[in-house]
Amino acid sequence: MKQSRLMSLVESIANVAVGYGVAVVTQILIFPVFGLHATLAQNLKMGAVFTVVSIARSYVLRRLFEAVRMRSAK
């Protein structure tokens, strides 16, 4: 069964939304270990930038793998 583009996007967003929370918490815990001090607002903004990039990356990879799967099914 082929996954639709919309469902690929929904899956990517769900995956990255969870990753966003993990990333922000990780930044808050790890940055001080390396002498980096960011406010909560800065951590949220950095997380947002990486989230947008991650959604795009995840979507493109999902579509690439789906195209490969469909070609090999022919």
C-alpha atoms as a PDB file:
ATOM      1  CA  MET A   1       0.000   0.000   0.000  1.00  0.00           C
ATOM      2  CA  LYS A   2       1.364   3.382  -1.013  1.00  0.00           C
ATOM      3  CA  GLN A   3       1.661   6.146   1.567  1.00  0.00           C
ATOM      4  CA  SER A   4       0.157   9.446   0.419  1.00  0.00           C
ATOM      5  CA  ARG A   5       2.183  12.643   0.413  1.00  0.00           C
ATOM      6  CA  LEU A   6      -0.124  14.096   3.062  1.00  0.00           C
ATOM      7  CA  MET A   7       0.395  11.128   5.372  1.00  0.00           C
ATOM      8  CA  SER A   8       4.155  11.358   4.789  1.00  0.00           C
ATOM      9  CA  LEU A   9       3.990  14.967   5.925  1.00  0.00           C
ATOM     10  CA  VAL A  10       1.784  14.143   8.938  1.00  0.00           C
ATOM     11  CA  GLU A  11       4.155  11.366  10.007  1.00  0.00           C
ATOM     12  CA  SER A  12       7.166  13.646   9.621  1.00  0.00           C
ATOM     13  CA  ILE A  13       5.555  16.421  11.653  1.00  0.00           C
ATOM     14  CA  ALA A  14       4.545  14.031  14.458  1.00  0.00           C
ATOM     15  CA  ASN A  15       8.038  12.577  14.570  1.00  0.00           C
ATOM     16  CA  VAL A  16       9.694  15.974  14.635  1.00  0.00           C
ATOM     17  CA  ALA A  17       7.259  17.414  17.205  1.00  0.00           C
ATOM     18  CA  VAL A  18       8.360  14.764  19.673  1.00  0.00           C
ATOM     19  CA  GLY A  19      11.966  15.392  18.645  1.00  0.00           C
ATOM     20  CA  TYR A  20      11.506  19.118  19.270  1.00  0.00           C
ATOM     21  CA  GLY A  21      10.585  18.529  22.896  1.00  0.00           C
ATOM     22  CA  VAL A  22      13.483  16.128  23.367  1.00  0.00           C
ATOM     23  CA  ALA A  23      15.873  18.575  21.694  1.00  0.00           C
ATOM     24  CA  VAL A  24      14.859  21.557  23.827  1.00  0.00           C
ATOM     25  CA  VAL A  25      15.159  19.559  27.044  1.00  0.00           C
ATOM     26  CA  THR A  26      18.523  18.203  25.893  1.00  0.00           C
ATOM     27  CA  GLN A  27      19.760  21.714  25.062  1.00  0.00           C
ATOM     28  CA  ILE A  28      18.708  22.972  28.491  1.00  0.00           C
ATOM     29  CA  LEU A  29      20.562  20.119  30.186  1.00  0.00           C
ATOM     30  CA  ILE A  30      23.650  19.874  27.960  1.00  0.00           C
ATOM     31  CA  PHE A  31      24.482  23.456  26.923  1.00  0.00           C
ATOM     32  CA  PRO A  32      25.653  24.458  30.431  1.00  0.00           C
ATOM     33  CA  VAL A  33      28.043  21.473  30.465  1.00  0.00           C
ATOM     34  CA  PHE A  34      29.820  23.100  27.504  1.00  0.00           C
ATOM     35  CA  GLY A  35      29.694  26.592  28.973  1.00  0.00           C
ATOM     36  CA  LEU A  36      26.811  27.715  26.768  1.00  0.00           C
ATOM     37  CA  HIS A  37      24.042  29.583  28.520  1.00  0.00           C
ATOM     38  CA  ALA A  38      20.802  30.268  26.690  1.00  0.00           C
ATOM     39  CA  THR A  39      17.477  31.492  27.962  1.00  0.00           C
ATOM     40  CA  LEU A  40      14.377  29.344  27.594  1.00  0.00           C
ATOM     41  CA  ALA A  41      13.200  31.623  24.779  1.00  0.00           C
ATOM     42  CA  GLN A  42      16.522  31.199  22.953  1.00  0.00           C
ATOM     43  CA  ASN A  43      16.369  27.420  23.383  1.00  0.00           C
ATOM     44  CA  LEU A  44      12.819  27.371  22.008  1.00  0.00           C
ATOM     45  CA  LYS A  45      13.829  29.504  19.007  1.00  0.00           C
ATOM     46  CA  MET A  46      16.871  27.343  18.234  1.00  0.00           C
ATOM     47  CA  GLY A  47      14.712  24.254  18.558  1.00  0.00           C
ATOM     48  CA  ALA A  48      12.168  25.767  16.161  1.00  0.00           C
ATOM     49  CA  VAL A  49      14.802  26.412  13.480  1.00  0.00           C
ATOM     50  CA  PHE A  50      16.102  22.859  13.742  1.00  0.00           C
ATOM     51  CA  THR A  51      12.534  21.553  13.723  1.00  0.00           C
ATOM     52  CA  VAL A  52      11.704  23.222  10.406  1.00  0.00           C
ATOM     53  CA  VAL A  53      14.892  21.842   8.868  1.00  0.00           C
ATOM     54  CA  SER A  54      14.145  18.412  10.301  1.00  0.00           C
ATOM     55  CA  ILE A  55      10.582  18.348   8.928  1.00  0.00           C
ATOM     56  CA  ALA A  56      11.854  19.184   5.451  1.00  0.00           C
ATOM     57  CA  ARG A  57      14.641  16.586   5.684  1.00  0.00           C
ATOM     58  CA  SER A  58      12.311  13.883   6.970  1.00  0.00           C
ATOM     59  CA  TYR A  59       9.681  14.568   4.304  1.00  0.00           C
ATOM     60  CA  VAL A  60      12.208  14.530   1.447  1.00  0.00           C
ATOM     61  CA  LEU A  61      13.784  11.294   2.670  1.00  0.00           C
ATOM     62  CA  ARG A  62      10.375   9.664   3.136  1.00  0.00           C
ATOM     63  CA  ARG A  63       9.356  10.579  -0.419  1.00  0.00           C
ATOM     64  CA  LEU A  64      12.715   9.348  -1.779  1.00  0.00           C
ATOM     65  CA  PHE A  65      12.337   5.990  -0.041  1.00  0.00           C
ATOM     66  CA  GLU A  66       8.719   5.740  -1.198  1.00  0.00           C
ATOM     67  CA  ALA A  67       9.830   6.369  -4.802  1.00  0.00           C
ATOM     68  CA  VAL A  68      12.511   3.675  -4.510  1.00  0.00           C
ATOM     69  CA  ARG A  69       9.965   1.267  -3.037  1.00  0.00           C
ATOM     70  CA  MET A  70       7.469   1.929  -5.815  1.00  0.00           C
ATOM     71  CA  ARG A  71      10.125   1.462  -8.534  1.00  0.00           C
ATOM     72  CA  SER A  72      11.240  -1.862  -7.115  1.00  0.00           C
ATOM     73  CA  ALA A  73       7.605  -3.024  -6.873  1.00  0.00           C
ATOM     74  CA  LYS A  74       7.172  -2.680 -10.671  1.00  0.00           C
END
